[in-house]
PDB file of all heavy atoms in Angstrom:
ATOM      1  N   ALA A   1      -7.355   0.817  -4.960  1.00  0.00           N
ATOM      2  CA  ALA A   1      -8.314   1.820  -4.486  1.00  0.00           C
ATOM      3  C   ALA A   1      -7.625   2.821  -3.563  1.00  0.00           C
ATOM      4  O   ALA A   1      -7.859   4.030  -3.658  1.00  0.00           O
ATOM      5  CB  ALA A   1      -9.482   1.135  -3.777  1.00  0.00           C
ATOM      6  N   VAL A   2      -6.769   2.328  -2.668  1.00  0.00           N
ATOM      7  CA  VAL A   2      -6.036   3.216  -1.761  1.00  0.00           C
ATOM      8  C   VAL A   2      -5.110   4.126  -2.549  1.00  0.00           C
ATOM      9  O   VAL A   2      -5.041   5.331  -2.302  1.00  0.00           O
ATOM     10  CB  VAL A   2      -5.260   2.383  -0.709  1.00  0.00           C
ATOM     11  CG1 VAL A   2      -4.233   3.235   0.016  1.00  0.00           C
ATOM     12  CG2 VAL A   2      -6.225   1.763   0.285  1.00  0.00           C
ATOM     13  N   LEU A   3      -4.389   3.566  -3.519  1.00  0.00           N
ATOM     14  CA  LEU A   3      -3.471   4.377  -4.316  1.00  0.00           C
ATOM     15  C   LEU A   3      -4.209   5.467  -5.086  1.00  0.00           C
ATOM     16  O   LEU A   3      -3.674   6.559  -5.290  1.00  0.00           O
ATOM     17  CB  LEU A   3      -2.667   3.506  -5.277  1.00  0.00           C
ATOM     18  CG  LEU A   3      -1.541   2.688  -4.647  1.00  0.00           C
ATOM     19  CD1 LEU A   3      -0.933   1.743  -5.665  1.00  0.00           C
ATOM     20  CD2 LEU A   3      -0.477   3.592  -4.046  1.00  0.00           C
ATOM     21  N   HIS A   4      -5.441   5.189  -5.498  1.00  0.00           N
ATOM     22  CA  HIS A   4      -6.209   6.193  -6.240  1.00  0.00           C
ATOM     23  C   HIS A   4      -6.626   7.366  -5.358  1.00  0.00           C
ATOM     24  O   HIS A   4      -6.968   8.433  -5.878  1.00  0.00           O
ATOM     25  CB  HIS A   4      -7.432   5.557  -6.908  1.00  0.00           C
ATOM     26  CG  HIS A   4      -7.097   4.928  -8.224  1.00  0.00           C
ATOM     27  ND1 HIS A   4      -6.837   5.647  -9.360  1.00  0.00           N
ATOM     28  CD2 HIS A   4      -6.965   3.632  -8.570  1.00  0.00           C
ATOM     29  CE1 HIS A   4      -6.564   4.832 -10.353  1.00  0.00           C
ATOM     30  NE2 HIS A   4      -6.621   3.604  -9.900  1.00  0.00           N
ATOM     31  N   THR A   5      -6.586   7.198  -4.042  1.00  0.00           N
ATOM     32  CA  THR A   5      -6.934   8.308  -3.141  1.00  0.00           C
ATOM     33  C   THR A   5      -5.757   9.233  -2.902  1.00  0.00           C
ATOM     34  O   THR A   5      -5.930  10.331  -2.388  1.00  0.00           O
ATOM     35  CB  THR A   5      -7.451   7.796  -1.782  1.00  0.00           C
ATOM     36  OG1 THR A   5      -6.377   7.150  -1.082  1.00  0.00           O
ATOM     37  CG2 THR A   5      -8.630   6.855  -1.946  1.00  0.00           C
ATOM     38  N   ALA A   6      -4.557   8.787  -3.268  1.00  0.00           N
ATOM     39  CA  ALA A   6      -3.353   9.584  -3.023  1.00  0.00           C
ATOM     40  C   ALA A   6      -3.214  10.688  -4.058  1.00  0.00           C
ATOM     41  O   ALA A   6      -3.513  10.488  -5.231  1.00  0.00           O
ATOM     42  CB  ALA A   6      -2.117   8.684  -3.048  1.00  0.00           C
ATOM     43  N   ASN A   7      -2.747  11.827  -3.612  1.00  0.00           N
ATOM     44  CA  ASN A   7      -2.532  12.963  -4.511  1.00  0.00           C
ATOM     45  C   ASN A   7      -1.126  12.988  -5.080  1.00  0.00           C
ATOM     46  O   ASN A   7      -0.804  13.855  -5.896  1.00  0.00           O
ATOM     47  CB  ASN A   7      -2.805  14.278  -3.768  1.00  0.00           C
ATOM     48  CG  ASN A   7      -4.256  14.413  -3.369  1.00  0.00           C
ATOM     49  OD1 ASN A   7      -5.143  13.965  -4.088  1.00  0.00           O
ATOM     50  ND2 ASN A   7      -4.495  14.990  -2.210  1.00  0.00           N
ATOM     51  N   GLU A   8      -0.284  12.065  -4.631  1.00  0.00           N
ATOM     52  CA  GLU A   8       1.110  12.004  -5.056  1.00  0.00           C
ATOM     53  C   GLU A   8       1.612  10.584  -4.835  1.00  0.00           C
ATOM     54  O   GLU A   8       0.931   9.782  -4.195  1.00  0.00           O
ATOM     55  CB  GLU A   8       1.951  12.997  -4.253  1.00  0.00           C
ATOM     56  CG  GLU A   8       1.914  12.722  -2.756  1.00  0.00           C
ATOM     57  CD  GLU A   8       2.528  13.841  -1.940  1.00  0.00           C
ATOM     58  OE1 GLU A   8       2.899  14.882  -2.511  1.00  0.00           O
ATOM     59  OE2 GLU A   8       2.632  13.668  -0.725  1.00  0.00           O
ATOM     60  N   PRO A   9       2.776  10.242  -5.365  1.00  0.00           N
ATOM     61  CA  PRO A   9       3.325   8.910  -5.105  1.00  0.00           C
ATOM     62  C   PRO A   9       3.495   8.685  -3.604  1.00  0.00           C
ATOM     63  O   PRO A   9       3.859   9.616  -2.864  1.00  0.00           O
ATOM     64  CB  PRO A   9       4.684   8.947  -5.815  1.00  0.00           C
ATOM     65  CG  PRO A   9       4.518   9.991  -6.880  1.00  0.00           C
ATOM     66  CD  PRO A   9       3.619  11.029  -6.279  1.00  0.00           C
ATOM     67  N   VAL A  10       3.206   7.450  -3.154  1.00  0.00           N
ATOM     68  CA  VAL A  10       3.204   7.156  -1.716  1.00  0.00           C
ATOM     69  C   VAL A  10       4.010   5.899  -1.415  1.00  0.00           C
ATOM     70  O   VAL A  10       4.244   5.061  -2.284  1.00  0.00           O
ATOM     71  CB  VAL A  10       1.763   6.998  -1.187  1.00  0.00           C
ATOM     72  CG1 VAL A  10       0.994   8.304  -1.304  1.00  0.00           C
ATOM     73  CG2 VAL A  10       1.036   5.878  -1.909  1.00  0.00           C
ATOM     74  N   SER A  11       4.398   5.768  -0.166  1.00  0.00           N
ATOM     75  CA  SER A  11       5.182   4.624   0.291  1.00  0.00           C
ATOM     76  C   SER A  11       4.272   3.419   0.566  1.00  0.00           C
ATOM     77  O   SER A  11       3.058   3.567   0.746  1.00  0.00           O
ATOM     78  CB  SER A  11       5.934   4.981   1.569  1.00  0.00           C
ATOM     79  OG  SER A  11       5.009   5.168   2.632  1.00  0.00           O
ATOM     80  N   ALA A  12       4.898   2.263   0.642  1.00  0.00           N
ATOM     81  CA  ALA A  12       4.163   1.050   1.012  1.00  0.00           C
ATOM     82  C   ALA A  12       3.602   1.178   2.431  1.00  0.00           C
ATOM     83  O   ALA A  12       2.502   0.692   2.716  1.00  0.00           O
ATOM     84  CB  ALA A  12       5.059  -0.174   0.897  1.00  0.00           C
ATOM     85  N   ALA A  13       4.336   1.837   3.306  1.00  0.00           N
ATOM     86  CA  ALA A  13       3.856   2.040   4.677  1.00  0.00           C
ATOM     87  C   ALA A  13       2.579   2.884   4.678  1.00  0.00           C
ATOM     88  O   ALA A  13       1.639   2.609   5.441  1.00  0.00           O
ATOM     89  CB  ALA A  13       4.939   2.703   5.526  1.00  0.00           C
ATOM     90  N   TRP A  14       2.526   3.892   3.815  1.00  0.00           N
ATOM     91  CA  TRP A  14       1.328   4.736   3.692  1.00  0.00           C
ATOM     92  C   TRP A  14       0.153   3.893   3.230  1.00  0.00           C
ATOM     93  O   TRP A  14      -0.955   3.995   3.767  1.00  0.00           O
ATOM     94  CB  TRP A  14       1.611   5.873   2.704  1.00  0.00           C
ATOM     95  CG  TRP A  14       0.542   6.915   2.590  1.00  0.00           C
ATOM     96  CD1 TRP A  14       0.461   8.078   3.284  1.00  0.00           C
ATOM     97  CD2 TRP A  14      -0.598   6.885   1.709  1.00  0.00           C
ATOM     98  NE1 TRP A  14      -0.661   8.772   2.887  1.00  0.00           N
ATOM     99  CE2 TRP A  14      -1.330   8.072   1.931  1.00  0.00           C
ATOM    100  CE3 TRP A  14      -1.058   5.975   0.766  1.00  0.00           C
ATOM    101  CZ2 TRP A  14      -2.500   8.358   1.246  1.00  0.00           C
ATOM    102  CZ3 TRP A  14      -2.237   6.268   0.089  1.00  0.00           C
ATOM    103  CH2 TRP A  14      -2.944   7.445   0.326  1.00  0.00           C
ATOM    104  N   VAL A  15       0.382   3.040   2.235  1.00  0.00           N
ATOM    105  CA  VAL A  15      -0.671   2.154   1.729  1.00  0.00           C
ATOM    106  C   VAL A  15      -1.140   1.225   2.844  1.00  0.00           C
ATOM    107  O   VAL A  15      -2.342   1.069   3.084  1.00  0.00           O
ATOM    108  CB  VAL A  15      -0.172   1.337   0.517  1.00  0.00           C
ATOM    109  CG1 VAL A  15      -1.188   0.275   0.114  1.00  0.00           C
ATOM    110  CG2 VAL A  15       0.145   2.259  -0.651  1.00  0.00           C
ATOM    111  N   ARG A  16      -0.183   0.615   3.560  1.00  0.00           N
ATOM    112  CA  ARG A  16      -0.515  -0.315   4.647  1.00  0.00           C
ATOM    113  C   ARG A  16      -1.367   0.374   5.711  1.00  0.00           C
ATOM    114  O   ARG A  16      -2.359  -0.178   6.192  1.00  0.00           O
ATOM    115  CB  ARG A  16       0.762  -0.855   5.272  1.00  0.00           C
ATOM    116  CG  ARG A  16       0.501  -1.833   6.405  1.00  0.00           C
ATOM    117  CD  ARG A  16       1.826  -2.366   6.975  1.00  0.00           C
ATOM    118  NE  ARG A  16       1.559  -3.244   8.086  1.00  0.00           N
ATOM    119  CZ  ARG A  16       1.563  -2.852   9.361  1.00  0.00           C
ATOM    120  NH1 ARG A  16       1.830  -1.600   9.677  1.00  0.00           N
ATOM    121  NH2 ARG A  16       1.301  -3.730  10.312  1.00  0.00           N
ATOM    122  N   GLU A  17      -0.999   1.583   6.066  1.00  0.00           N
ATOM    123  CA  GLU A  17      -1.745   2.337   7.076  1.00  0.00           C
ATOM    124  C   GLU A  17      -3.188   2.582   6.627  1.00  0.00           C
ATOM    125  O   GLU A  17      -4.130   2.423   7.405  1.00  0.00           O
ATOM    126  CB  GLU A  17      -1.042   3.670   7.335  1.00  0.00           C
ATOM    127  CG  GLU A  17      -1.684   4.524   8.396  1.00  0.00           C
ATOM    128  CD  GLU A  17      -0.920   5.819   8.585  1.00  0.00           C
ATOM    129  OE1 GLU A  17       0.296   5.746   8.863  1.00  0.00           O
ATOM    130  OE2 GLU A  17      -1.543   6.891   8.438  1.00  0.00           O
ATOM    131  N   ARG A  18      -3.376   2.945   5.359  1.00  0.00           N
ATOM    132  CA  ARG A  18      -4.724   3.214   4.830  1.00  0.00           C
ATOM    133  C   ARG A  18      -5.562   1.942   4.719  1.00  0.00           C
ATOM    134  O   ARG A  18      -6.779   1.997   4.735  1.00  0.00           O
ATOM    135  CB  ARG A  18      -4.665   3.884   3.463  1.00  0.00           C
ATOM    136  CG  ARG A  18      -3.979   5.241   3.384  1.00  0.00           C
ATOM    137  CD  ARG A  18      -4.470   6.206   4.446  1.00  0.00           C
ATOM    138  NE  ARG A  18      -3.878   7.515   4.423  1.00  0.00           N
ATOM    139  CZ  ARG A  18      -2.666   7.848   4.877  1.00  0.00           C
ATOM    140  NH1 ARG A  18      -1.844   6.935   5.324  1.00  0.00           N
ATOM    141  NH2 ARG A  18      -2.267   9.100   4.869  1.00  0.00           N
ATOM    142  N   LEU A  19      -4.900   0.797   4.590  1.00  0.00           N
ATOM    143  CA  LEU A  19      -5.614  -0.483   4.518  1.00  0.00           C
ATOM    144  C   LEU A  19      -6.059  -0.961   5.895  1.00  0.00           C
ATOM    145  O   LEU A  19      -6.741  -1.971   6.003  1.00  0.00           O
ATOM    146  CB  LEU A  19      -4.739  -1.561   3.864  1.00  0.00           C
ATOM    147  CG  LEU A  19      -4.491  -1.397   2.377  1.00  0.00           C
ATOM    148  CD1 LEU A  19      -3.436  -2.382   1.907  1.00  0.00           C
ATOM    149  CD2 LEU A  19      -5.782  -1.579   1.593  1.00  0.00           C
ATOM    150  N   GLY A  20      -5.678  -0.263   6.926  1.00  0.00           N
ATOM    151  CA  GLY A  20      -6.099  -0.633   8.266  1.00  0.00           C
ATOM    152  C   GLY A  20      -4.984  -1.208   9.112  1.00  0.00           C
ATOM    153  O   GLY A  20      -5.164  -1.432  10.294  1.00  0.00           O
ATOM    154  N   GLY A  21      -3.829  -1.459   8.524  1.00  0.00           N
ATOM    155  CA  GLY A  21      -2.689  -1.885   9.301  1.00  0.00           C
ATOM    156  C   GLY A  21      -2.692  -3.321   9.763  1.00  0.00           C
ATOM    157  O   GLY A  21      -1.788  -3.750  10.462  1.00  0.00           O
ATOM    158  N   ASP A  22      -3.713  -4.115   9.383  1.00  0.00           N
ATOM    159  CA  ASP A  22      -3.741  -5.507   9.831  1.00  0.00           C
ATOM    160  C   ASP A  22      -2.903  -6.416   8.937  1.00  0.00           C
ATOM    161  O   ASP A  22      -2.706  -7.580   9.255  1.00  0.00           O
ATOM    162  CB  ASP A  22      -5.170  -6.031   9.936  1.00  0.00           C
ATOM    163  CG  ASP A  22      -5.903  -6.037   8.607  1.00  0.00           C
ATOM    164  OD1 ASP A  22      -5.548  -5.242   7.723  1.00  0.00           O
ATOM    165  OD2 ASP A  22      -6.847  -6.837   8.457  1.00  0.00           O
ATOM    166  N   LEU A  23      -2.407  -5.879   7.839  1.00  0.00           N
ATOM    167  CA  LEU A  23      -1.557  -6.650   6.939  1.00  0.00           C
ATOM    168  C   LEU A  23      -0.092  -6.436   7.276  1.00  0.00           C
ATOM    169  O   LEU A  23       0.297  -5.341   7.677  1.00  0.00           O
ATOM    170  CB  LEU A  23      -1.778  -6.214   5.485  1.00  0.00           C
ATOM    171  CG  LEU A  23      -3.121  -6.513   4.873  1.00  0.00           C
ATOM    172  CD1 LEU A  23      -3.217  -5.870   3.495  1.00  0.00           C
ATOM    173  CD2 LEU A  23      -3.335  -8.009   4.772  1.00  0.00           C
ATOM    174  N   ALA A  24       0.710  -7.459   7.069  1.00  0.00           N
ATOM    175  CA  ALA A  24       2.151  -7.308   7.242  1.00  0.00           C
ATOM    176  C   ALA A  24       2.684  -6.387   6.149  1.00  0.00           C
ATOM    177  O   ALA A  24       2.179  -6.379   5.021  1.00  0.00           O
ATOM    178  CB  ALA A  24       2.831  -8.674   7.168  1.00  0.00           C
ATOM    179  N   TYR A  25       3.721  -5.640   6.482  1.00  0.00           N
ATOM    180  CA  TYR A  25       4.355  -4.760   5.518  1.00  0.00           C
ATOM    181  C   TYR A  25       4.817  -5.560   4.301  1.00  0.00           C
ATOM    182  O   TYR A  25       4.669  -5.117   3.163  1.00  0.00           O
ATOM    183  CB  TYR A  25       5.542  -4.038   6.183  1.00  0.00           C
ATOM    184  CG  TYR A  25       6.308  -3.144   5.254  1.00  0.00           C
ATOM    185  CD1 TYR A  25       5.849  -1.857   4.982  1.00  0.00           C
ATOM    186  CD2 TYR A  25       7.481  -3.583   4.640  1.00  0.00           C
ATOM    187  CE1 TYR A  25       6.551  -1.027   4.115  1.00  0.00           C
ATOM    188  CE2 TYR A  25       8.183  -2.755   3.773  1.00  0.00           C
ATOM    189  CZ  TYR A  25       7.707  -1.487   3.525  1.00  0.00           C
ATOM    190  OH  TYR A  25       8.396  -0.668   2.663  1.00  0.00           O
ATOM    191  N   THR A  26       5.359  -6.762   4.533  1.00  0.00           N
ATOM    192  CA  THR A  26       5.843  -7.590   3.427  1.00  0.00           C
ATOM    193  C   THR A  26       4.709  -8.008   2.499  1.00  0.00           C
ATOM    194  O   THR A  26       4.911  -8.139   1.294  1.00  0.00           O
ATOM    195  CB  THR A  26       6.582  -8.839   3.950  1.00  0.00           C
ATOM    196  OG1 THR A  26       5.711  -9.542   4.853  1.00  0.00           O
ATOM    197  CG2 THR A  26       7.874  -8.455   4.658  1.00  0.00           C
ATOM    198  N   THR A  27       3.516  -8.193   3.052  1.00  0.00           N
ATOM    199  CA  THR A  27       2.357  -8.543   2.223  1.00  0.00           C
ATOM    200  C   THR A  27       2.008  -7.374   1.305  1.00  0.00           C
ATOM    201  O   THR A  27       1.750  -7.568   0.114  1.00  0.00           O
ATOM    202  CB  THR A  27       1.140  -8.913   3.101  1.00  0.00           C
ATOM    203  OG1 THR A  27       1.495 -10.027   3.926  1.00  0.00           O
ATOM    204  CG2 THR A  27      -0.078  -9.239   2.257  1.00  0.00           C
ATOM    205  N   VAL A  28       2.014  -6.178   1.843  1.00  0.00           N
ATOM    206  CA  VAL A  28       1.723  -4.987   1.041  1.00  0.00           C
ATOM    207  C   VAL A  28       2.771  -4.841  -0.054  1.00  0.00           C
ATOM    208  O   VAL A  28       2.438  -4.573  -1.215  1.00  0.00           O
ATOM    209  CB  VAL A  28       1.639  -3.729   1.930  1.00  0.00           C
ATOM    210  CG1 VAL A  28       1.471  -2.470   1.082  1.00  0.00           C
ATOM    211  CG2 VAL A  28       0.490  -3.860   2.926  1.00  0.00           C
ATOM    212  N   MET A  29       4.044  -5.045   0.298  1.00  0.00           N
ATOM    213  CA  MET A  29       5.109  -4.954  -0.703  1.00  0.00           C
ATOM    214  C   MET A  29       4.930  -6.012  -1.796  1.00  0.00           C
ATOM    215  O   MET A  29       5.148  -5.732  -2.977  1.00  0.00           O
ATOM    216  CB  MET A  29       6.485  -5.121  -0.045  1.00  0.00           C
ATOM    217  CG  MET A  29       6.963  -3.881   0.679  1.00  0.00           C
ATOM    218  SD  MET A  29       7.131  -2.448  -0.400  1.00  0.00           S
ATOM    219  CE  MET A  29       8.298  -3.055  -1.605  1.00  0.00           C
ATOM    220  N   THR A  30       4.533  -7.210  -1.414  1.00  0.00           N
ATOM    221  CA  THR A  30       4.310  -8.271  -2.396  1.00  0.00           C
ATOM    222  C   THR A  30       3.190  -7.885  -3.352  1.00  0.00           C
ATOM    223  O   THR A  30       3.320  -8.035  -4.573  1.00  0.00           O
ATOM    224  CB  THR A  30       3.973  -9.601  -1.690  1.00  0.00           C
ATOM    225  OG1 THR A  30       5.096  -9.986  -0.892  1.00  0.00           O
ATOM    226  CG2 THR A  30       3.645 -10.694  -2.690  1.00  0.00           C
ATOM    227  N   ILE A  31       2.091  -7.361  -2.824  1.00  0.00           N
ATOM    228  CA  ILE A  31       0.962  -6.955  -3.666  1.00  0.00           C
ATOM    229  C   ILE A  31       1.383  -5.813  -4.591  1.00  0.00           C
ATOM    230  O   ILE A  31       1.072  -5.823  -5.787  1.00  0.00           O
ATOM    231  CB  ILE A  31      -0.261  -6.562  -2.805  1.00  0.00           C
ATOM    232  CG1 ILE A  31      -0.772  -7.766  -2.019  1.00  0.00           C
ATOM    233  CG2 ILE A  31      -1.360  -5.952  -3.664  1.00  0.00           C
ATOM    234  CD1 ILE A  31      -1.233  -8.937  -2.860  1.00  0.00           C
ATOM    235  N   LEU A  32       2.112  -4.834  -4.060  1.00  0.00           N
ATOM    236  CA  LEU A  32       2.574  -3.728  -4.900  1.00  0.00           C
ATOM    237  C   LEU A  32       3.502  -4.234  -6.004  1.00  0.00           C
ATOM    238  O   LEU A  32       3.407  -3.795  -7.155  1.00  0.00           O
ATOM    239  CB  LEU A  32       3.282  -2.672  -4.051  1.00  0.00           C
ATOM    240  CG  LEU A  32       2.371  -1.801  -3.187  1.00  0.00           C
ATOM    241  CD1 LEU A  32       3.176  -1.034  -2.146  1.00  0.00           C
ATOM    242  CD2 LEU A  32       1.549  -0.854  -4.052  1.00  0.00           C
ATOM    243  N   SER A  33       4.378  -5.162  -5.670  1.00  0.00           N
ATOM    244  CA  SER A  33       5.289  -5.720  -6.678  1.00  0.00           C
ATOM    245  C   SER A  33       4.522  -6.478  -7.749  1.00  0.00           C
ATOM    246  O   SER A  33       4.830  -6.374  -8.942  1.00  0.00           O
ATOM    247  CB  SER A  33       6.307  -6.635  -6.005  1.00  0.00           C
ATOM    248  OG  SER A  33       7.125  -5.888  -5.139  1.00  0.00           O
ATOM    249  N   ARG A  34       3.526  -7.247  -7.343  1.00  0.00           N
ATOM    250  CA  ARG A  34       2.705  -7.977  -8.323  1.00  0.00           C
ATOM    251  C   ARG A  34       1.952  -7.008  -9.224  1.00  0.00           C
ATOM    252  O   ARG A  34       1.848  -7.224 -10.432  1.00  0.00           O
ATOM    253  CB  ARG A  34       1.724  -8.910  -7.607  1.00  0.00           C
ATOM    254  CG  ARG A  34       2.388 -10.118  -7.012  1.00  0.00           C
ATOM    255  CD  ARG A  34       1.386 -11.010  -6.337  1.00  0.00           C
ATOM    256  NE  ARG A  34       2.050 -12.168  -5.764  1.00  0.00           N
ATOM    257  CZ  ARG A  34       1.541 -12.923  -4.833  1.00  0.00           C
ATOM    258  NH1 ARG A  34       0.340 -12.675  -4.342  1.00  0.00           N
ATOM    259  NH2 ARG A  34       2.213 -13.959  -4.371  1.00  0.00           N
ATOM    260  N   LEU A  35       1.418  -5.948  -8.635  1.00  0.00           N
ATOM    261  CA  LEU A  35       0.718  -4.943  -9.437  1.00  0.00           C
ATOM    262  C   LEU A  35       1.691  -4.253 -10.385  1.00  0.00           C
ATOM    263  O   LEU A  35       1.333  -3.916 -11.515  1.00  0.00           O
ATOM    264  CB  LEU A  35       0.023  -3.923  -8.534  1.00  0.00           C
ATOM    265  CG  LEU A  35      -1.203  -4.436  -7.794  1.00  0.00           C
ATOM    266  CD1 LEU A  35      -1.642  -3.445  -6.719  1.00  0.00           C
ATOM    267  CD2 LEU A  35      -2.343  -4.726  -8.761  1.00  0.00           C
ATOM    268  N   GLY A  36       2.926  -4.059  -9.935  1.00  0.00           N
ATOM    269  CA  GLY A  36       3.942  -3.476 -10.802  1.00  0.00           C
ATOM    270  C   GLY A  36       4.245  -4.374 -11.986  1.00  0.00           C
ATOM    271  O   GLY A  36       4.386  -3.905 -13.120  1.00  0.00           O
TER     272      GLY A  36
END
């Protein structure tokens, strides 16, 4: 859902920030890798 709000490719840090920042960066990277 967060990625769909982006107008261009974005970093994992950008995704983490939009999710509220309560997740570890490594967790966001793991989710992005799984989605990949």
